[in-house]
């Protein structure tokens, strides 16, 4: 898996270095009428190392370590487009089904994150 970061923080990890990969999403609360038409959904990719040495081998990913609510893993924010989810799901189910942990709903958010 490789991330070509537009902000200059690229990284790469071999599939066998990862015990699991999941998608997490958080949806904006419905407060006003417009929220029922369009709800912002934050999408993140969560990566969990297969061994304790992963963190030392990948210092370039340190800024993602236990980001937000992830424990013992890395969180890569992908933005607010829920259309990413089926694309990632299809790829994971096709290429690494044993490592795919599915989608985790993390509830609602208030305001913009």
PDB file of N, CA and C in Angstrom:
ATOM      1  N   UNK A   1       0.856  -1.151   0.000  1.00  0.00           N
ATOM      2  CA  UNK A   1       0.000   0.000   0.000  1.00  0.00           C
ATOM      3  C   UNK A   1       0.915   1.230   0.000  1.00  0.00           C
ATOM      4  N   UNK A   2       0.563   2.211  -0.828  1.00  0.00           N
ATOM      5  CA  UNK A   2       1.407   3.406  -0.934  1.00  0.00           C
ATOM      6  C   UNK A   2       0.534   4.659  -0.933  1.00  0.00           C
ATOM      7  N   UNK A   3       1.019   5.709  -0.273  1.00  0.00           N
ATOM      8  CA  UNK A   3       0.346   7.001  -0.241  1.00  0.00           C
ATOM      9  C   UNK A   3       1.291   8.046  -0.808  1.00  0.00           C
ATOM     10  N   UNK A   4       0.931   8.617  -1.936  1.00  0.00           N
ATOM     11  CA  UNK A   4       1.701   9.697  -2.548  1.00  0.00           C
ATOM     12  C   UNK A   4       1.088  11.003  -2.066  1.00  0.00           C
ATOM     13  N   UNK A   5       1.588  11.479  -0.954  1.00  0.00           N
ATOM     14  CA  UNK A   5       1.010  12.628  -0.256  1.00  0.00           C
ATOM     15  C   UNK A   5       1.280  13.937  -0.987  1.00  0.00           C
ATOM     16  N   UNK A   6       0.224  14.677  -1.329  1.00  0.00           N
ATOM     17  CA  UNK A   6       0.409  15.967  -2.001  1.00  0.00           C
ATOM     18  C   UNK A   6       1.093  17.003  -1.099  1.00  0.00           C
ATOM     19  N   UNK A   7       1.107  16.762   0.217  1.00  0.00           N
ATOM     20  CA  UNK A   7       1.760  17.680   1.145  1.00  0.00           C
ATOM     21  C   UNK A   7       3.196  17.260   1.455  1.00  0.00           C
ATOM     22  N   UNK A   8       3.709  16.285   0.723  1.00  0.00           N
ATOM     23  CA  UNK A   8       5.107  15.892   0.872  1.00  0.00           C
ATOM     24  C   UNK A   8       5.413  14.900   1.968  1.00  0.00           C
ATOM     25  N   UNK A   9       4.428  14.115   2.401  1.00  0.00           N
ATOM     26  CA  UNK A   9       4.647  13.088   3.418  1.00  0.00           C
ATOM     27  C   UNK A   9       4.264  11.717   2.872  1.00  0.00           C
ATOM     28  N   UNK A  10       4.945  11.244   1.821  1.00  0.00           N
ATOM     29  CA  UNK A  10       4.599   9.942   1.246  1.00  0.00           C
ATOM     30  C   UNK A  10       5.045   8.795   2.155  1.00  0.00           C
ATOM     31  N   UNK A  11       4.411   7.646   1.979  1.00  0.00           N
ATOM     32  CA  UNK A  11       4.807   6.452   2.701  1.00  0.00           C
ATOM     33  C   UNK A  11       4.365   5.222   1.913  1.00  0.00           C
ATOM     34  N   UNK A  12       4.946   4.108   2.266  1.00  0.00           N
ATOM     35  CA  UNK A  12       4.577   2.831   1.650  1.00  0.00           C
ATOM     36  C   UNK A  12       4.746   1.731   2.690  1.00  0.00           C
ATOM     37  N   UNK A  13       3.849   0.750   2.663  1.00  0.00           N
ATOM     38  CA  UNK A  13       3.918  -0.395   3.561  1.00  0.00           C
ATOM     39  C   UNK A  13       3.509  -1.639   2.785  1.00  0.00           C
ATOM     40  N   UNK A  14       4.248  -2.707   2.983  1.00  0.00           N
ATOM     41  CA  UNK A  14       3.920  -3.973   2.325  1.00  0.00           C
ATOM     42  C   UNK A  14       2.676  -4.575   2.982  1.00  0.00           C
ATOM     43  N   UNK A  15       1.848  -5.244   2.194  1.00  0.00           N
ATOM     44  CA  UNK A  15       0.618  -5.842   2.717  1.00  0.00           C
ATOM     45  C   UNK A  15       0.898  -6.773   3.883  1.00  0.00           C
ATOM     46  N   UNK A  16       1.976  -7.552   3.789  1.00  0.00           N
ATOM     47  CA  UNK A  16       2.266  -8.515   4.852  1.00  0.00           C
ATOM     48  C   UNK A  16       2.662  -7.836   6.165  1.00  0.00           C
ATOM     49  N   UNK A  17       2.924  -6.521   6.131  1.00  0.00           N
ATOM     50  CA  UNK A  17       3.233  -5.777   7.355  1.00  0.00           C
ATOM     51  C   UNK A  17       1.971  -5.338   8.098  1.00  0.00           C
ATOM     52  N   UNK A  18       0.810  -5.526   7.468  1.00  0.00           N
ATOM     53  CA  UNK A  18      -0.443  -5.062   8.053  1.00  0.00           C
ATOM     54  C   UNK A  18      -1.316  -6.235   8.493  1.00  0.00           C
ATOM     55  N   UNK A  19      -1.756  -6.193   9.748  1.00  0.00           N
ATOM     56  CA  UNK A  19      -2.667  -7.216  10.260  1.00  0.00           C
ATOM     57  C   UNK A  19      -4.084  -6.946   9.783  1.00  0.00           C
ATOM     58  N   UNK A  20      -4.401  -5.666   9.617  1.00  0.00           N
ATOM     59  CA  UNK A  20      -5.748  -5.322   9.193  1.00  0.00           C
ATOM     60  C   UNK A  20      -5.852  -3.904   8.669  1.00  0.00           C
ATOM     61  N   UNK A  21      -6.865  -3.709   7.825  1.00  0.00           N
ATOM     62  CA  UNK A  21      -7.182  -2.405   7.256  1.00  0.00           C
ATOM     63  C   UNK A  21      -8.691  -2.234   7.350  1.00  0.00           C
ATOM     64  N   UNK A  22      -9.089  -1.105   7.891  1.00  0.00           N
ATOM     65  CA  UNK A  22     -10.519  -0.824   8.007  1.00  0.00           C
ATOM     66  C   UNK A  22     -10.838   0.578   7.537  1.00  0.00           C
ATOM     67  N   UNK A  23     -12.104   0.817   7.322  1.00  0.00           N
ATOM     68  CA  UNK A  23     -12.590   2.142   6.951  1.00  0.00           C
ATOM     69  C   UNK A  23     -13.419   2.642   8.123  1.00  0.00           C
ATOM     70  N   UNK A  24     -13.195   3.872   8.530  1.00  0.00           N
ATOM     71  CA  UNK A  24     -14.057   4.466   9.553  1.00  0.00           C
ATOM     72  C   UNK A  24     -14.741   5.678   8.951  1.00  0.00           C
ATOM     73  N   UNK A  25     -15.961   5.897   9.389  1.00  0.00           N
ATOM     74  CA  UNK A  25     -16.683   7.062   8.886  1.00  0.00           C
ATOM     75  C   UNK A  25     -17.468   7.697  10.024  1.00  0.00           C
ATOM     76  N   UNK A  26     -17.618   8.995   9.912  1.00  0.00           N
ATOM     77  CA  UNK A  26     -18.393   9.779  10.862  1.00  0.00           C
ATOM     78  C   UNK A  26     -19.281  10.697  10.054  1.00  0.00           C
ATOM     79  N   UNK A  27     -20.558  10.752  10.398  1.00  0.00           N
ATOM     80  CA  UNK A  27     -21.491  11.592   9.657  1.00  0.00           C
ATOM     81  C   UNK A  27     -21.878  12.818  10.470  1.00  0.00           C
ATOM     82  N   UNK A  28     -22.098  13.910   9.752  1.00  0.00           N
ATOM     83  CA  UNK A  28     -22.531  15.156  10.367  1.00  0.00           C
ATOM     84  C   UNK A  28     -23.955  14.995  10.889  1.00  0.00           C
ATOM     85  N   UNK A  29     -24.222  15.572  12.044  1.00  0.00           N
ATOM     86  CA  UNK A  29     -25.571  15.524  12.611  1.00  0.00           C
ATOM     87  C   UNK A  29     -26.555  16.272  11.716  1.00  0.00           C
ATOM     88  N   UNK A  30     -27.764  15.805  11.731  1.00  0.00           N
ATOM     89  CA  UNK A  30     -28.834  16.494  11.002  1.00  0.00           C
ATOM     90  C   UNK A  30     -29.458  17.509  11.952  1.00  0.00           C
ATOM     91  N   UNK A  31     -29.174  18.776  11.727  1.00  0.00           N
ATOM     92  CA  UNK A  31     -29.662  19.835  12.594  1.00  0.00           C
ATOM     93  C   UNK A  31     -30.682  20.703  11.869  1.00  0.00           C
ATOM     94  N   UNK A  32     -30.371  21.050  10.642  1.00  0.00           N
ATOM     95  CA  UNK A  32     -31.281  21.903   9.870  1.00  0.00           C
ATOM     96  C   UNK A  32     -31.738  21.167   8.614  1.00  0.00           C
ATOM     97  N   UNK A  33     -32.701  21.720   7.928  1.00  0.00           N
ATOM     98  CA  UNK A  33     -33.291  21.080   6.758  1.00  0.00           C
ATOM     99  C   UNK A  33     -32.246  20.690   5.711  1.00  0.00           C
ATOM    100  N   UNK A  34     -31.282  21.551   5.455  1.00  0.00           N
ATOM    101  CA  UNK A  34     -30.250  21.266   4.450  1.00  0.00           C
ATOM    102  C   UNK A  34     -29.442  20.013   4.792  1.00  0.00           C
ATOM    103  N   UNK A  35     -29.313  19.708   6.081  1.00  0.00           N
ATOM    104  CA  UNK A  35     -28.557  18.526   6.504  1.00  0.00           C
ATOM    105  C   UNK A  35     -29.246  17.233   6.090  1.00  0.00           C
ATOM    106  N   UNK A  36     -30.548  17.280   5.841  1.00  0.00           N
ATOM    107  CA  UNK A  36     -31.276  16.096   5.386  1.00  0.00           C
ATOM    108  C   UNK A  36     -31.063  15.862   3.894  1.00  0.00           C
ATOM    109  N   UNK A  37     -30.666  16.911   3.193  1.00  0.00           N
ATOM    110  CA  UNK A  37     -30.389  16.799   1.764  1.00  0.00           C
ATOM    111  C   UNK A  37     -28.943  16.369   1.541  1.00  0.00           C
ATOM    112  N   UNK A  38     -28.031  16.997   2.275  1.00  0.00           N
ATOM    113  CA  UNK A  38     -26.608  16.668   2.137  1.00  0.00           C
ATOM    114  C   UNK A  38     -25.985  16.573   3.517  1.00  0.00           C
ATOM    115  N   UNK A  39     -25.440  15.413   3.841  1.00  0.00           N
ATOM    116  CA  UNK A  39     -24.741  15.216   5.111  1.00  0.00           C
ATOM    117  C   UNK A  39     -23.279  14.966   4.836  1.00  0.00           C
ATOM    118  N   UNK A  40     -22.450  15.730   5.472  1.00  0.00           N
ATOM    119  CA  UNK A  40     -21.018  15.539   5.318  1.00  0.00           C
ATOM    120  C   UNK A  40     -20.603  14.248   6.029  1.00  0.00           C
ATOM    121  N   UNK A  41     -19.806  13.447   5.374  1.00  0.00           N
ATOM    122  CA  UNK A  41     -19.316  12.195   5.926  1.00  0.00           C
ATOM    123  C   UNK A  41     -17.800  12.202   5.875  1.00  0.00           C
ATOM    124  N   UNK A  42     -17.148  12.115   7.023  1.00  0.00           N
ATOM    125  CA  UNK A  42     -15.689  12.050   7.071  1.00  0.00           C
ATOM    126  C   UNK A  42     -15.279  10.585   6.890  1.00  0.00           C
ATOM    127  N   UNK A  43     -14.349  10.349   5.964  1.00  0.00           N
ATOM    128  CA  UNK A  43     -13.902   8.996   5.635  1.00  0.00           C
ATOM    129  C   UNK A  43     -12.415   8.878   5.991  1.00  0.00           C
ATOM    130  N   UNK A  44     -12.070   7.790   6.689  1.00  0.00           N
ATOM    131  CA  UNK A  44     -10.674   7.551   7.065  1.00  0.00           C
ATOM    132  C   UNK A  44     -10.314   6.091   6.809  1.00  0.00           C
ATOM    133  N   UNK A  45      -9.057   5.861   6.504  1.00  0.00           N
ATOM    134  CA  UNK A  45      -8.529   4.514   6.340  1.00  0.00           C
ATOM    135  C   UNK A  45      -7.701   4.212   7.585  1.00  0.00           C
ATOM    136  N   UNK A  46      -8.022   3.122   8.271  1.00  0.00           N
ATOM    137  CA  UNK A  46      -7.318   2.735   9.487  1.00  0.00           C
ATOM    138  C   UNK A  46      -6.436   1.525   9.190  1.00  0.00           C
ATOM    139  N   UNK A  47      -5.173   1.642   9.548  1.00  0.00           N
ATOM    140  CA  UNK A  47      -4.172   0.604   9.270  1.00  0.00           C
ATOM    141  C   UNK A  47      -3.622   0.078  10.585  1.00  0.00           C
ATOM    142  N   UNK A  48      -3.577  -1.247  10.716  1.00  0.00           N
ATOM    143  CA  UNK A  48      -3.112  -1.861  11.946  1.00  0.00           C
ATOM    144  C   UNK A  48      -1.919  -2.779  11.647  1.00  0.00           C
ATOM    145  N   UNK A  49      -0.771  -2.481  12.257  1.00  0.00           N
ATOM    146  CA  UNK A  49       0.451  -3.244  11.984  1.00  0.00           C
ATOM    147  C   UNK A  49       0.364  -4.703  12.427  1.00  0.00           C
ATOM    148  N   UNK A  50       1.086  -5.541  11.709  1.00  0.00           N
ATOM    149  CA  UNK A  50       1.125  -6.966  12.026  1.00  0.00           C
ATOM    150  C   UNK A  50       2.135  -7.283  13.123  1.00  0.00           C
ATOM    151  N   UNK A  51       3.086  -6.368  13.356  1.00  0.00           N
ATOM    152  CA  UNK A  51       4.100  -6.632  14.378  1.00  0.00           C
ATOM    153  C   UNK A  51       4.535  -5.329  15.037  1.00  0.00           C
ATOM    154  N   UNK A  52       5.105  -5.420  16.249  1.00  0.00           N
ATOM    155  CA  UNK A  52       5.499  -4.215  16.979  1.00  0.00           C
ATOM    156  C   UNK A  52       6.645  -3.432  16.316  1.00  0.00           C
ATOM    157  N   UNK A  53       7.411  -4.048  15.438  1.00  0.00           N
ATOM    158  CA  UNK A  53       8.521  -3.364  14.772  1.00  0.00           C
ATOM    159  C   UNK A  53       8.094  -2.440  13.640  1.00  0.00           C
ATOM    160  N   UNK A  54       6.832  -2.501  13.249  1.00  0.00           N
ATOM    161  CA  UNK A  54       6.334  -1.689  12.134  1.00  0.00           C
ATOM    162  C   UNK A  54       6.581  -0.206  12.368  1.00  0.00           C
ATOM    163  N   UNK A  55       6.283   0.239  13.558  1.00  0.00           N
ATOM    164  CA  UNK A  55       6.403   1.670  13.868  1.00  0.00           C
ATOM    165  C   UNK A  55       7.838   2.166  13.714  1.00  0.00           C
ATOM    166  N   UNK A  56       8.798   1.366  14.121  1.00  0.00           N
ATOM    167  CA  UNK A  56      10.214   1.745  13.966  1.00  0.00           C
ATOM    168  C   UNK A  56      10.635   1.731  12.501  1.00  0.00           C
ATOM    169  N   UNK A  57      10.100   0.804  11.723  1.00  0.00           N
ATOM    170  CA  UNK A  57      10.453   0.713  10.297  1.00  0.00           C
ATOM    171  C   UNK A  57       9.803   1.810   9.465  1.00  0.00           C
ATOM    172  N   UNK A  58       8.759   2.434   9.991  1.00  0.00           N
ATOM    173  CA  UNK A  58       8.015   3.427   9.206  1.00  0.00           C
ATOM    174  C   UNK A  58       7.864   4.756   9.951  1.00  0.00           C
ATOM    175  N   UNK A  59       8.972   5.426  10.249  1.00  0.00           N
ATOM    176  CA  UNK A  59       8.873   6.716  10.945  1.00  0.00           C
ATOM    177  C   UNK A  59       8.158   7.780  10.108  1.00  0.00           C
ATOM    178  N   UNK A  60       8.103   7.591   8.800  1.00  0.00           N
ATOM    179  CA  UNK A  60       7.418   8.541   7.920  1.00  0.00           C
ATOM    180  C   UNK A  60       5.907   8.554   8.142  1.00  0.00           C
ATOM    181  N   UNK A  61       5.403   7.559   8.864  1.00  0.00           N
ATOM    182  CA  UNK A  61       3.961   7.477   9.144  1.00  0.00           C
ATOM    183  C   UNK A  61       3.619   7.927  10.563  1.00  0.00           C
ATOM    184  N   UNK A  62       4.598   8.396  11.302  1.00  0.00           N
ATOM    185  CA  UNK A  62       4.396   8.724  12.718  1.00  0.00           C
ATOM    186  C   UNK A  62       3.248   9.717  12.940  1.00  0.00           C
ATOM    187  N   UNK A  63       3.080  10.660  12.024  1.00  0.00           N
ATOM    188  CA  UNK A  63       2.014  11.660  12.179  1.00  0.00           C
ATOM    189  C   UNK A  63       0.608  11.043  12.113  1.00  0.00           C
ATOM    190  N   UNK A  64       0.505   9.797  11.652  1.00  0.00           N
ATOM    191  CA  UNK A  64      -0.778   9.101  11.558  1.00  0.00           C
ATOM    192  C   UNK A  64      -1.025   8.149  12.736  1.00  0.00           C
ATOM    193  N   UNK A  65       0.010   7.928  13.573  1.00  0.00           N
ATOM    194  CA  UNK A  65      -0.067   6.968  14.666  1.00  0.00           C
ATOM    195  C   UNK A  65      -1.107   7.416  15.703  1.00  0.00           C
ATOM    196  N   UNK A  66      -2.040   6.539  15.991  1.00  0.00           N
ATOM    197  CA  UNK A  66      -3.105   6.767  16.963  1.00  0.00           C
ATOM    198  C   UNK A  66      -3.783   8.123  16.777  1.00  0.00           C
ATOM    199  N   UNK A  67      -3.912   8.530  15.525  1.00  0.00           N
ATOM    200  CA  UNK A  67      -4.580   9.782  15.194  1.00  0.00           C
ATOM    201  C   UNK A  67      -6.069   9.649  15.476  1.00  0.00           C
ATOM    202  N   UNK A  68      -6.637  10.660  16.075  1.00  0.00           N
ATOM    203  CA  UNK A  68      -8.045  10.743  16.424  1.00  0.00           C
ATOM    204  C   UNK A  68      -8.369   9.664  17.446  1.00  0.00           C
ATOM    205  N   UNK A  69      -9.147   8.652  17.127  1.00  0.00           N
ATOM    206  CA  UNK A  69      -9.544   7.663  18.138  1.00  0.00           C
ATOM    207  C   UNK A  69      -8.931   6.283  17.914  1.00  0.00           C
ATOM    208  N   UNK A  70      -8.023   6.151  16.975  1.00  0.00           N
ATOM    209  CA  UNK A  70      -7.421   4.841  16.682  1.00  0.00           C
ATOM    210  C   UNK A  70      -6.429   4.455  17.778  1.00  0.00           C
ATOM    211  N   UNK A  71      -6.487   3.220  18.229  1.00  0.00           N
ATOM    212  CA  UNK A  71      -5.547   2.695  19.220  1.00  0.00           C
ATOM    213  C   UNK A  71      -4.687   1.629  18.555  1.00  0.00           C
ATOM    214  N   UNK A  72      -3.384   1.731  18.754  1.00  0.00           N
ATOM    215  CA  UNK A  72      -2.417   0.779  18.198  1.00  0.00           C
ATOM    216  C   UNK A  72      -2.523   0.672  16.681  1.00  0.00           C
ATOM    217  N   UNK A  73      -2.729   1.798  16.033  1.00  0.00           N
ATOM    218  CA  UNK A  73      -2.840   1.812  14.585  1.00  0.00           C
ATOM    219  C   UNK A  73      -2.671   3.208  14.028  1.00  0.00           C
ATOM    220  N   UNK A  74      -2.853   3.296  12.747  1.00  0.00           N
ATOM    221  CA  UNK A  74      -2.674   4.540  12.008  1.00  0.00           C
ATOM    222  C   UNK A  74      -3.999   4.933  11.368  1.00  0.00           C
ATOM    223  N   UNK A  75      -4.259   6.229  11.308  1.00  0.00           N
ATOM    224  CA  UNK A  75      -5.475   6.718  10.666  1.00  0.00           C
ATOM    225  C   UNK A  75      -5.096   7.715   9.582  1.00  0.00           C
ATOM    226  N   UNK A  76      -5.547   7.417   8.366  1.00  0.00           N
ATOM    227  CA  UNK A  76      -5.309   8.275   7.214  1.00  0.00           C
ATOM    228  C   UNK A  76      -6.626   8.944   6.828  1.00  0.00           C
ATOM    229  N   UNK A  77      -6.789  10.260   7.091  1.00  0.00           N
ATOM    230  CA  UNK A  77      -8.012  10.950   6.681  1.00  0.00           C
ATOM    231  C   UNK A  77      -8.084  11.042   5.157  1.00  0.00           C
ATOM    232  N   UNK A  78      -9.226  10.686   4.598  1.00  0.00           N
ATOM    233  CA  UNK A  78      -9.401  10.718   3.144  1.00  0.00           C
ATOM    234  C   UNK A  78     -10.349  11.812   2.673  1.00  0.00           C
ATOM    235  N   UNK A  79     -10.929  12.550   3.588  1.00  0.00           N
ATOM    236  CA  UNK A  79     -11.809  13.632   3.188  1.00  0.00           C
ATOM    237  C   UNK A  79     -13.263  13.327   3.470  1.00  0.00           C
ATOM    238  N   UNK A  80     -14.126  14.082   2.809  1.00  0.00           N
ATOM    239  CA  UNK A  80     -15.547  14.013   3.127  1.00  0.00           C
ATOM    240  C   UNK A  80     -16.407  13.442   2.001  1.00  0.00           C
ATOM    241  N   UNK A  81     -15.820  12.626   1.157  1.00  0.00           N
ATOM    242  CA  UNK A  81     -16.599  12.053   0.062  1.00  0.00           C
ATOM    243  C   UNK A  81     -16.905  10.582   0.348  1.00  0.00           C
ATOM    244  N   UNK A  82     -18.157  10.235   0.661  1.00  0.00           N
ATOM    245  CA  UNK A  82     -18.487   8.840   0.952  1.00  0.00           C
ATOM    246  C   UNK A  82     -18.354   7.921  -0.259  1.00  0.00           C
ATOM    247  N   UNK A  83     -18.173   8.481  -1.451  1.00  0.00           N
ATOM    248  CA  UNK A  83     -17.990   7.654  -2.647  1.00  0.00           C
ATOM    249  C   UNK A  83     -16.677   6.879  -2.610  1.00  0.00           C
ATOM    250  N   UNK A  84     -15.747   7.276  -1.719  1.00  0.00           N
ATOM    251  CA  UNK A  84     -14.493   6.531  -1.572  1.00  0.00           C
ATOM    252  C   UNK A  84     -14.742   5.143  -0.994  1.00  0.00           C
ATOM    253  N   UNK A  85     -15.754   5.017  -0.162  1.00  0.00           N
ATOM    254  CA  UNK A  85     -15.967   3.781   0.596  1.00  0.00           C
ATOM    255  C   UNK A  85     -16.179   2.565  -0.296  1.00  0.00           C
ATOM    256  N   UNK A  86     -17.101   2.564  -1.260  1.00  0.00           N
ATOM    257  CA  UNK A  86     -17.275   1.354  -2.083  1.00  0.00           C
ATOM    258  C   UNK A  86     -16.050   1.048  -2.949  1.00  0.00           C
ATOM    259  N   UNK A  87     -15.314   2.059  -3.353  1.00  0.00           N
ATOM    260  CA  UNK A  87     -14.110   1.832  -4.162  1.00  0.00           C
ATOM    261  C   UNK A  87     -13.062   1.104  -3.332  1.00  0.00           C
ATOM    262  N   UNK A  88     -12.838   1.573  -2.107  1.00  0.00           N
ATOM    263  CA  UNK A  88     -11.863   0.932  -1.213  1.00  0.00           C
ATOM    264  C   UNK A  88     -12.334  -0.462  -0.842  1.00  0.00           C
ATOM    265  N   UNK A  89     -13.617  -0.597  -0.527  1.00  0.00           N
ATOM    266  CA  UNK A  89     -14.165  -1.912  -0.170  1.00  0.00           C
ATOM    267  C   UNK A  89     -13.968  -2.933  -1.282  1.00  0.00           C
ATOM    268  N   UNK A  90     -14.265  -2.531  -2.495  1.00  0.00           N
ATOM    269  CA  UNK A  90     -14.123  -3.450  -3.630  1.00  0.00           C
ATOM    270  C   UNK A  90     -12.666  -3.880  -3.798  1.00  0.00           C
ATOM    271  N   UNK A  91     -11.755  -2.929  -3.709  1.00  0.00           N
ATOM    272  CA  UNK A  91     -10.327  -3.253  -3.857  1.00  0.00           C
ATOM    273  C   UNK A  91      -9.850  -4.171  -2.736  1.00  0.00           C
ATOM    274  N   UNK A  92     -10.254  -3.877  -1.504  1.00  0.00           N
ATOM    275  CA  UNK A  92      -9.832  -4.705  -0.375  1.00  0.00           C
ATOM    276  C   UNK A  92     -10.399  -6.119  -0.492  1.00  0.00           C
ATOM    277  N   UNK A  93     -11.651  -6.230  -0.857  1.00  0.00           N
ATOM    278  CA  UNK A  93     -12.268  -7.563  -0.988  1.00  0.00           C
ATOM    279  C   UNK A  93     -11.646  -8.368  -2.129  1.00  0.00           C
ATOM    280  N   UNK A  94     -11.185  -7.675  -3.158  1.00  0.00           N
ATOM    281  CA  UNK A  94     -10.584  -8.354  -4.298  1.00  0.00           C
ATOM    282  C   UNK A  94      -9.122  -8.732  -4.043  1.00  0.00           C
ATOM    283  N   UNK A  95      -8.344  -7.813  -3.454  1.00  0.00           N
ATOM    284  CA  UNK A  95      -6.900  -8.025  -3.348  1.00  0.00           C
ATOM    285  C   UNK A  95      -6.417  -8.475  -1.977  1.00  0.00           C
ATOM    286  N   UNK A  96      -7.088  -8.103  -0.895  1.00  0.00           N
ATOM    287  CA  UNK A  96      -6.652  -8.485   0.450  1.00  0.00           C
ATOM    288  C   UNK A  96      -7.839  -8.771   1.362  1.00  0.00           C
ATOM    289  N   UNK A  97      -8.695  -9.710   0.992  1.00  0.00           N
ATOM    290  CA  UNK A  97      -9.907  -9.948   1.797  1.00  0.00           C
ATOM    291  C   UNK A  97      -9.610 -10.361   3.241  1.00  0.00           C
ATOM    292  N   UNK A  98      -8.535 -11.089   3.480  1.00  0.00           N
ATOM    293  CA  UNK A  98      -8.236 -11.530   4.844  1.00  0.00           C
ATOM    294  C   UNK A  98      -7.831 -10.373   5.750  1.00  0.00           C
ATOM    295  N   UNK A  99      -7.308  -9.297   5.169  1.00  0.00           N
ATOM    296  CA  UNK A  99      -6.857  -8.146   5.958  1.00  0.00           C
ATOM    297  C   UNK A  99      -7.928  -7.069   6.099  1.00  0.00           C
ATOM    298  N   UNK A 100      -9.033  -7.209   5.378  1.00  0.00           N
ATOM    299  CA  UNK A 100     -10.058  -6.167   5.395  1.00  0.00           C
ATOM    300  C   UNK A 100     -10.989  -6.340   6.583  1.00  0.00           C
ATOM    301  N   UNK A 101     -11.081  -5.323   7.430  1.00  0.00           N
ATOM    302  CA  UNK A 101     -11.891  -5.369   8.643  1.00  0.00           C
ATOM    303  C   UNK A 101     -13.231  -4.677   8.488  1.00  0.00           C
ATOM    304  N   UNK A 102     -13.551  -4.181   7.312  1.00  0.00           N
ATOM    305  CA  UNK A 102     -14.861  -3.592   7.066  1.00  0.00           C
ATOM    306  C   UNK A 102     -14.961  -2.122   7.434  1.00  0.00           C
ATOM    307  N   UNK A 103     -16.216  -1.649   7.474  1.00  0.00           N
ATOM    308  CA  UNK A 103     -16.515  -0.250   7.761  1.00  0.00           C
ATOM    309  C   UNK A 103     -16.988  -0.119   9.201  1.00  0.00           C
ATOM    310  N   UNK A 104     -16.434   0.850   9.909  1.00  0.00           N
ATOM    311  CA  UNK A 104     -16.820   1.120  11.286  1.00  0.00           C
ATOM    312  C   UNK A 104     -17.467   2.498  11.337  1.00  0.00           C
ATOM    313  N   UNK A 105     -18.713   2.552  11.766  1.00  0.00           N
ATOM    314  CA  UNK A 105     -19.390   3.826  11.963  1.00  0.00           C
ATOM    315  C   UNK A 105     -19.031   4.362  13.333  1.00  0.00           C
ATOM    316  N   UNK A 106     -18.552   5.587  13.363  1.00  0.00           N
ATOM    317  CA  UNK A 106     -18.128   6.185  14.628  1.00  0.00           C
ATOM    318  C   UNK A 106     -19.102   7.256  15.104  1.00  0.00           C
ATOM    319  N   UNK A 107     -20.335   7.144  14.697  1.00  0.00           N
ATOM    320  CA  UNK A 107     -21.342   8.061  15.193  1.00  0.00           C
ATOM    321  C   UNK A 107     -21.424   9.350  14.387  1.00  0.00           C
ATOM    322  N   UNK A 108     -21.754  10.427  15.097  1.00  0.00           N
ATOM    323  CA  UNK A 108     -22.022  11.695  14.455  1.00  0.00           C
ATOM    324  C   UNK A 108     -21.010  12.742  14.910  1.00  0.00           C
ATOM    325  N   UNK A 109     -20.866  13.770  14.100  1.00  0.00           N
ATOM    326  CA  UNK A 109     -20.018  14.891  14.487  1.00  0.00           C
ATOM    327  C   UNK A 109     -20.872  16.151  14.487  1.00  0.00           C
ATOM    328  N   UNK A 110     -20.447  17.106  15.252  1.00  0.00           N
ATOM    329  CA  UNK A 110     -21.128  18.398  15.305  1.00  0.00           C
ATOM    330  C   UNK A 110     -20.220  19.411  14.628  1.00  0.00           C
ATOM    331  N   UNK A 111     -20.754  20.184  13.714  1.00  0.00           N
ATOM    332  CA  UNK A 111     -19.944  21.173  13.028  1.00  0.00           C
ATOM    333  C   UNK A 111     -19.040  20.550  11.996  1.00  0.00           C
ATOM    334  N   UNK A 112     -18.059  21.283  11.585  1.00  0.00           N
ATOM    335  CA  UNK A 112     -17.112  20.810  10.572  1.00  0.00           C
ATOM    336  C   UNK A 112     -15.841  20.336  11.220  1.00  0.00           C
ATOM    337  N   UNK A 113     -15.335  19.210  10.749  1.00  0.00           N
ATOM    338  CA  UNK A 113     -14.098  18.652  11.273  1.00  0.00           C
ATOM    339  C   UNK A 113     -13.082  18.616  10.162  1.00  0.00           C
TER     340      UNK A 113
END
